[in-house]
Amino acid sequence: MNTESEVQAAPTTTIQNKVLLVSFDKQPKLAKKLAQSADEVGEFVLEEAPEDRIFNFTSLKPAIDQAKEQGYNIIVAVEPEENKVSLVVKKGGVAGAFMVLNVHQVAAVLLQEWIKSKKYEGMHLLKSILMSDLLDVVSRKGNVETLDQIIPAGGLEPMFKETNAKFADLPVAAFNIDQQVMHSDLSFEDIVEQLVVLEGAQRVKELTIYDALLEVYYYNGFFKEKAVALDLSLDIHRKQLNKFMSEVRKSPKFLEEIFSVSAVTDFNKGVKKNILTDKVYQYPISGTNILKIETVEGVSISLVPSEDKLTYYISVRESVNTPERFEMANKALDQEIFKLVQYFNKKI
């Protein structure tokens, strides 16, 4: 009789990386490439492309519903012709709810991964001035030189080519506010594959790309952004905006009723004024009617008027070091943004 105890191994659970690839047209080549790095790749073609061709919760809702029904853990939305990528990831672990990452968050995750890989020594970062200040912090800590530019929607590629030619011997990465992303050492398909590989590596640890984003926030601060659009079709609204921007240029201290201004950058004149020291610095960008207001508290507001619309971009910041602290900060920053929106909507 065998007296040895028989110990049965506990059944192992394989955590699969199931990717739903979303686009405005079928992407068989990209789907085939991603299948080499994922356990399963499904495709979802959106019936309608929004006017601005930006991926957001509204446009991605049908794909999110299918992902829930069919057990996909990540949604990758792409428009290869425009070098656009967006992500929907699970929040709070592999069993969490889906969350659409904004353009700043996707950029932060990619930039951090490129720095961590140590494959791109001497990398330069070309980015829209409207991208999150978080990218500046990540770049500075990773010894990446940033190159800020005013980049119109869909206009990243020509500026990227020009920058890439200038730094021909060095890697160049680039992000635009409209979800465009490029890298001199990587094709668009390579970049998308890197995101899929990262999600797979995270799932082995029962985490997701969302957790990789939290790690970026833990080490660099939590930056939260919001874009607000105001109608300027009426002449009275345009005059009110012009008056407000003129006052900010002349005497920004009047804004201290709501926050302490530390600097104002006038992209029209190409100057940045440090309000705390009264020193004025030349800025390399000029000739564009954009103002950026920065505060001692780490808030920044960029005012970007067009002929019939004003879009202002708010960024607020808080320190976080735990998931619990992140949730508290997230709610607090929502309230701070709400107050700022109320103030600017009243003033403009």
Protein backbone atom coordinates (compact mmCIF):
# COMPACT_ATOMS: atom_id res chain seq x y z
CA MET A 1 0.00 0.00 0.00
CA ASN A 2 1.32 3.40 -0.90
CA THR A 3 1.54 5.42 2.28
CA GLU A 4 2.89 8.56 0.65
CA SER A 5 0.47 11.42 0.63
CA GLU A 6 -0.60 12.45 -2.83
CA VAL A 7 -0.75 16.22 -3.23
CA GLN A 8 -2.71 17.44 -6.20
CA ALA A 9 -1.51 20.64 -7.81
CA ALA A 10 -3.97 23.48 -7.65
CA PRO A 11 -5.52 24.17 -11.03
CA THR A 12 -3.87 27.10 -12.76
CA THR A 13 -5.93 29.89 -14.22
CA THR A 14 -4.61 31.36 -17.43
CA ILE A 15 -5.29 35.08 -17.66
CA GLN A 16 -5.77 35.70 -21.35
CA ASN A 17 -5.08 38.92 -23.17
CA LYS A 18 -8.10 39.36 -25.44
CA VAL A 19 -7.90 42.48 -27.60
CA LEU A 20 -10.74 44.17 -29.46
CA LEU A 21 -9.35 46.23 -32.34
CA VAL A 22 -11.65 49.13 -33.24
CA SER A 23 -11.42 51.29 -36.35
CA PHE A 24 -13.44 53.09 -39.00
CA ASP A 25 -12.36 50.48 -41.58
CA LYS A 26 -11.19 46.88 -41.36
CA GLN A 27 -7.55 46.52 -40.34
CA PRO A 28 -6.60 42.93 -41.29
CA LYS A 29 -2.84 43.61 -41.45
CA LEU A 30 -2.73 45.18 -38.00
CA ALA A 31 -5.05 42.53 -36.55
CA LYS A 32 -2.71 39.81 -37.86
CA LYS A 33 0.30 41.56 -36.29
CA LEU A 34 -1.43 41.93 -32.93
CA ALA A 35 -2.42 38.26 -32.97
CA GLN A 36 1.27 37.44 -32.51
CA SER A 37 1.24 39.21 -29.13
CA ALA A 38 -2.29 38.56 -27.86
CA ASP A 39 -4.28 35.41 -27.14
CA GLU A 40 -7.20 36.62 -29.22
CA VAL A 41 -7.85 39.63 -31.45
CA GLY A 42 -11.35 40.64 -32.50
CA GLU A 43 -12.29 43.42 -34.87
CA PHE A 44 -15.04 46.01 -34.56
CA VAL A 45 -15.74 48.54 -37.32
CA LEU A 46 -17.52 51.69 -36.17
CA GLU A 47 -20.54 52.50 -38.31
CA GLU A 48 -20.02 56.26 -38.10
CA ALA A 49 -16.93 58.39 -37.76
CA PRO A 50 -17.46 61.50 -35.61
CA GLU A 51 -16.86 64.81 -37.36
CA ASP A 52 -13.58 65.38 -35.51
CA ARG A 53 -12.64 61.68 -35.90
CA ILE A 54 -11.73 61.55 -32.21
CA PHE A 55 -12.29 58.35 -30.28
CA ASN A 56 -14.27 59.00 -27.09
CA PHE A 57 -16.79 57.19 -24.89
CA THR A 58 -19.73 58.10 -27.14
CA SER A 59 -18.12 56.81 -30.35
CA LEU A 60 -16.67 53.74 -28.62
CA LYS A 61 -19.80 52.76 -26.66
CA PRO A 62 -20.90 50.01 -29.13
CA ALA A 63 -17.42 48.48 -29.02
CA ILE A 64 -17.35 48.65 -25.22
CA ASP A 65 -20.69 46.81 -25.08
CA GLN A 66 -19.34 44.07 -27.34
CA ALA A 67 -16.14 43.82 -25.29
CA LYS A 68 -18.19 43.28 -22.15
CA GLU A 69 -20.36 40.62 -23.79
CA GLN A 70 -17.50 38.69 -25.38
CA GLY A 71 -14.89 38.95 -22.63
CA TYR A 72 -12.29 41.26 -24.19
CA ASN A 73 -10.03 42.90 -21.63
CA ILE A 74 -8.74 45.84 -23.67
CA ILE A 75 -10.02 47.93 -26.57
CA VAL A 76 -7.52 49.52 -28.95
CA ALA A 77 -9.06 52.11 -31.29
CA VAL A 78 -6.96 53.12 -34.28
CA GLU A 79 -6.92 55.25 -37.40
CA PRO A 80 -3.59 54.27 -38.98
CA GLU A 81 -3.80 56.77 -41.84
CA GLU A 82 -3.78 59.59 -39.27
CA ASN A 83 -1.51 57.84 -36.72
CA LYS A 84 -4.28 57.97 -34.11
CA VAL A 85 -4.66 55.56 -31.22
CA SER A 86 -6.92 55.45 -28.18
CA LEU A 87 -7.33 52.90 -25.38
CA VAL A 88 -10.15 51.54 -23.27
CA VAL A 89 -8.75 49.60 -20.34
CA LYS A 90 -10.08 47.91 -17.22
CA LYS A 91 -9.91 49.96 -14.06
CA GLY A 92 -9.27 48.30 -10.71
CA GLY A 93 -7.70 45.04 -11.82
CA VAL A 94 -8.52 42.43 -14.44
CA ALA A 95 -12.18 42.25 -13.32
CA GLY A 96 -12.72 46.02 -13.21
CA ALA A 97 -14.98 48.26 -15.25
CA PHE A 98 -13.89 49.73 -18.58
CA MET A 99 -12.42 53.24 -18.68
CA VAL A 100 -11.54 55.31 -21.75
CA LEU A 101 -8.07 56.79 -21.37
CA ASN A 102 -7.71 60.33 -22.66
CA VAL A 103 -4.96 61.46 -25.02
CA HIS A 104 -2.76 62.70 -22.17
CA GLN A 105 -2.96 59.38 -20.34
CA VAL A 106 -2.13 57.27 -23.39
CA ALA A 107 0.82 59.56 -24.12
CA ALA A 108 2.07 59.34 -20.52
CA VAL A 109 1.96 55.53 -20.55
CA LEU A 110 3.79 55.29 -23.87
CA LEU A 111 6.42 57.88 -22.95
CA GLN A 112 7.12 56.19 -19.62
CA GLU A 113 7.46 52.78 -21.31
CA TRP A 114 9.85 54.16 -23.91
CA ILE A 115 11.99 55.70 -21.19
CA LYS A 116 11.94 52.54 -19.05
CA SER A 117 12.98 50.38 -22.01
CA LYS A 118 16.30 52.29 -22.28
CA LYS A 119 16.23 51.63 -26.03
CA TYR A 120 15.95 55.24 -27.13
CA GLU A 121 18.93 57.08 -25.68
CA GLY A 122 18.94 60.79 -26.48
CA MET A 123 15.22 60.77 -27.31
CA HIS A 124 13.52 64.09 -28.04
CA LEU A 125 9.81 64.67 -27.52
CA LEU A 126 7.83 66.81 -29.96
CA LYS A 127 4.44 67.67 -28.52
CA SER A 128 1.53 70.06 -28.83
CA ILE A 129 1.58 72.88 -26.28
CA LEU A 130 -1.89 71.65 -25.29
CA MET A 131 -0.66 68.28 -24.08
CA SER A 132 -0.54 67.68 -20.33
CA ASP A 133 2.28 69.17 -18.26
CA LEU A 134 2.69 65.63 -16.95
CA LEU A 135 4.69 64.83 -20.10
CA ASP A 136 7.17 67.57 -19.21
CA VAL A 137 7.68 66.08 -15.75
CA VAL A 138 8.11 62.52 -17.11
CA SER A 139 10.51 63.82 -19.78
CA ARG A 140 12.60 65.79 -17.33
CA LYS A 141 13.03 62.78 -15.03
CA GLY A 142 13.84 60.57 -18.00
CA ASN A 143 16.38 62.99 -19.52
CA VAL A 144 14.19 63.55 -22.58
CA GLU A 145 14.31 66.99 -24.19
CA THR A 146 10.85 68.39 -24.98
CA LEU A 147 10.05 70.46 -28.06
CA ASP A 148 6.72 72.29 -27.71
CA GLN A 149 4.88 73.38 -30.82
CA ILE A 150 1.49 74.67 -31.89
CA ILE A 151 0.29 71.68 -33.88
CA PRO A 152 -3.08 71.85 -35.69
CA ALA A 153 -5.44 68.91 -35.75
CA GLY A 154 -4.05 66.30 -38.14
CA GLY A 155 -0.83 68.28 -38.48
CA LEU A 156 1.63 66.13 -36.55
CA GLU A 157 3.26 64.30 -39.47
CA PRO A 158 4.88 67.26 -41.30
CA MET A 159 6.23 68.70 -38.03
CA PHE A 160 7.44 65.26 -37.00
CA LYS A 161 9.31 64.83 -40.30
CA GLU A 162 10.92 68.25 -39.91
CA THR A 163 11.98 67.51 -36.31
CA ASN A 164 13.18 64.03 -37.23
CA ALA A 165 15.37 65.48 -39.97
CA LYS A 166 16.84 68.00 -37.53
CA PHE A 167 17.75 65.26 -35.04
CA ALA A 168 18.53 62.57 -37.59
CA ASP A 169 20.86 60.64 -35.31
CA LEU A 170 18.52 60.65 -32.31
CA PRO A 171 15.10 59.10 -31.64
CA VAL A 172 12.10 61.43 -31.80
CA ALA A 173 8.69 60.73 -30.28
CA ALA A 174 5.66 62.95 -30.91
CA PHE A 175 2.14 63.50 -29.57
CA ASN A 176 -0.69 65.76 -30.68
CA ILE A 177 -3.84 66.72 -28.79
CA ASP A 178 -6.01 64.88 -31.37
CA GLN A 179 -4.68 61.38 -30.44
CA GLN A 180 -1.87 61.36 -33.03
CA VAL A 181 1.31 59.57 -31.97
CA MET A 182 4.56 58.92 -33.85
CA HIS A 183 8.05 57.59 -33.12
CA SER A 184 11.08 57.68 -35.41
CA ASP A 185 12.17 54.15 -34.48
CA LEU A 186 8.72 52.59 -34.57
CA SER A 187 5.97 52.21 -37.14
CA PHE A 188 2.41 52.99 -36.08
CA GLU A 189 1.73 49.23 -35.98
CA ASP A 190 4.76 48.77 -33.71
CA ILE A 191 3.41 51.37 -31.28
CA VAL A 192 0.01 49.68 -31.13
CA GLU A 193 1.66 46.31 -30.62
CA GLN A 194 3.70 47.71 -27.73
CA LEU A 195 0.48 48.69 -25.98
CA VAL A 196 -0.94 45.21 -26.46
CA VAL A 197 2.28 43.64 -25.16
CA LEU A 198 2.20 45.96 -22.12
CA GLU A 199 -1.37 44.93 -21.33
CA GLY A 200 -0.37 41.26 -21.58
CA ALA A 201 2.57 41.79 -19.23
CA GLN A 202 0.33 43.61 -16.77
CA ARG A 203 -2.28 40.86 -16.82
CA VAL A 204 0.31 38.28 -15.80
CA LYS A 205 0.52 40.32 -12.58
CA GLU A 206 -3.30 40.58 -12.48
CA LEU A 207 -3.01 44.25 -13.36
CA THR A 208 -3.87 46.31 -16.44
CA ILE A 209 -2.53 49.34 -18.32
CA TYR A 210 -4.61 51.43 -15.91
CA ASP A 211 -2.25 50.30 -13.14
CA ALA A 212 0.72 51.32 -15.31
CA LEU A 213 -0.89 54.77 -15.58
CA LEU A 214 -1.30 54.95 -11.81
CA GLU A 215 2.39 54.18 -11.45
CA VAL A 216 3.18 57.17 -13.69
CA TYR A 217 1.01 59.33 -11.44
CA TYR A 218 2.60 58.00 -8.25
CA TYR A 219 6.08 59.03 -9.38
CA ASN A 220 5.24 62.25 -11.20
CA GLY A 221 2.04 63.61 -9.68
CA PHE A 222 -1.58 63.18 -10.73
CA PHE A 223 -2.49 65.60 -13.52
CA LYS A 224 -6.14 65.90 -14.54
CA GLU A 225 -7.19 67.72 -17.69
CA LYS A 226 -10.40 69.09 -19.13
CA ALA A 227 -11.17 70.90 -22.38
CA VAL A 228 -14.11 73.32 -22.44
CA ALA A 229 -15.56 74.90 -25.59
CA LEU A 230 -17.49 78.19 -25.62
CA ASP A 231 -19.50 79.60 -28.50
CA LEU A 232 -18.18 82.90 -29.88
CA SER A 233 -20.63 83.29 -32.75
CA LEU A 234 -22.08 86.47 -31.20
CA ASP A 235 -20.05 89.65 -31.47
CA ILE A 236 -20.64 90.50 -27.79
CA HIS A 237 -18.98 87.22 -26.76
CA ARG A 238 -15.94 87.87 -28.96
CA LYS A 239 -15.56 91.36 -27.48
CA GLN A 240 -15.82 89.99 -23.95
CA LEU A 241 -13.13 87.40 -24.68
CA ASN A 242 -10.81 90.00 -26.25
CA LYS A 243 -11.26 92.21 -23.20
CA PHE A 244 -10.50 89.35 -20.83
CA MET A 245 -7.36 88.25 -22.70
CA SER A 246 -6.16 91.86 -22.90
CA GLU A 247 -6.54 92.21 -19.13
CA VAL A 248 -4.61 88.98 -18.55
CA ARG A 249 -1.77 90.23 -20.75
CA LYS A 250 -1.61 93.62 -19.02
CA SER A 251 -2.25 92.74 -15.39
CA PRO A 252 -2.77 89.03 -14.67
CA LYS A 253 -2.82 89.62 -10.92
CA PHE A 254 -6.55 90.37 -11.13
CA LEU A 255 -6.96 86.59 -11.44
CA GLU A 256 -5.81 86.18 -7.85
CA GLU A 257 -9.42 86.31 -6.70
CA ILE A 258 -9.46 82.63 -7.62
CA PHE A 259 -5.77 81.53 -7.72
CA SER A 260 -2.19 82.80 -7.38
CA VAL A 261 -0.73 83.39 -10.84
CA SER A 262 2.92 82.39 -11.24
CA ALA A 263 3.45 82.89 -14.99
CA VAL A 264 1.68 83.92 -18.20
CA THR A 265 2.89 82.86 -21.63
CA ASP A 266 1.72 85.01 -24.54
CA PHE A 267 2.16 82.95 -27.69
CA ASN A 268 1.18 85.96 -29.79
CA LYS A 269 4.19 88.03 -28.69
CA GLY A 270 6.42 85.05 -27.95
CA VAL A 271 7.08 85.98 -24.33
CA LYS A 272 6.68 84.33 -20.94
CA LYS A 273 6.38 86.53 -17.86
CA ASN A 274 7.21 85.23 -14.40
CA ILE A 275 4.70 87.09 -12.22
CA LEU A 276 6.56 86.28 -9.02
CA THR A 277 9.82 87.91 -10.18
CA ASP A 278 8.50 90.26 -12.92
CA LYS A 279 11.08 88.80 -15.31
CA VAL A 280 10.14 88.41 -18.98
CA TYR A 281 11.62 85.64 -21.12
CA GLN A 282 11.57 85.17 -24.88
CA TYR A 283 9.50 82.14 -25.93
CA PRO A 284 10.36 80.28 -29.16
CA ILE A 285 6.75 80.35 -30.41
CA SER A 286 5.11 83.60 -31.54
CA GLY A 287 2.38 84.92 -33.80
CA THR A 288 -0.51 82.81 -32.46
CA ASN A 289 -3.29 84.23 -30.28
CA ILE A 290 -2.98 81.75 -27.41
CA LEU A 291 -2.48 82.49 -23.71
CA LYS A 292 -1.30 80.06 -21.05
CA ILE A 293 -1.83 80.93 -17.39
CA GLU A 294 0.09 79.01 -14.73
CA THR A 295 -0.43 79.18 -10.98
CA VAL A 296 1.52 78.55 -7.81
CA GLU A 297 -0.90 75.72 -7.01
CA GLY A 298 0.08 73.79 -10.16
CA VAL A 299 -2.95 74.78 -12.26
CA SER A 300 -2.55 75.75 -15.91
CA ILE A 301 -5.17 77.14 -18.29
CA SER A 302 -4.54 77.57 -22.01
CA LEU A 303 -6.95 79.86 -23.87
CA VAL A 304 -7.22 78.98 -27.57
CA PRO A 305 -9.70 81.16 -29.50
CA SER A 306 -10.79 80.59 -33.08
CA GLU A 307 -13.16 82.61 -35.25
CA ASP A 308 -16.36 81.31 -33.66
CA LYS A 309 -15.22 79.28 -30.65
CA LEU A 310 -13.01 79.48 -27.61
CA THR A 311 -11.51 76.26 -26.29
CA TYR A 312 -9.72 76.46 -22.99
CA TYR A 313 -7.69 73.60 -21.60
CA ILE A 314 -7.49 73.20 -17.82
CA SER A 315 -4.87 71.09 -16.07
CA VAL A 316 -4.81 70.59 -12.29
CA ARG A 317 -2.34 68.59 -10.22
CA GLU A 318 -2.18 66.66 -6.96
CA SER A 319 0.25 64.25 -5.31
CA VAL A 320 -0.86 60.61 -4.95
CA ASN A 321 0.89 57.46 -3.74
CA THR A 322 -1.87 54.87 -3.24
CA PRO A 323 -5.03 53.81 -5.12
CA GLU A 324 -7.11 55.14 -2.23
CA ARG A 325 -5.34 58.49 -2.30
CA PHE A 326 -5.82 58.58 -6.07
CA GLU A 327 -9.59 58.21 -5.77
CA MET A 328 -9.74 60.98 -3.16
CA ALA A 329 -7.58 63.28 -5.29
CA ASN A 330 -9.63 62.48 -8.39
CA LYS A 331 -12.83 63.71 -6.70
CA ALA A 332 -11.11 66.76 -5.24
CA LEU A 333 -9.68 67.76 -8.62
CA ASP A 334 -13.09 67.35 -10.24
CA GLN A 335 -14.42 69.94 -7.80
CA GLU A 336 -11.47 72.23 -8.48
CA ILE A 337 -12.02 71.99 -12.24
CA PHE A 338 -15.74 72.68 -11.78
CA LYS A 339 -14.96 75.90 -9.89
CA LEU A 340 -12.52 76.99 -12.59
CA VAL A 341 -15.04 76.30 -15.35
CA GLN A 342 -17.66 78.32 -13.50
CA TYR A 343 -15.23 81.21 -13.09
CA PHE A 344 -14.08 81.33 -16.71
CA ASN A 345 -17.57 80.89 -18.12
CA LYS A 346 -18.65 83.86 -16.02
CA LYS A 347 -15.70 86.06 -16.96
CA ILE A 348 -15.60 85.32 -20.69
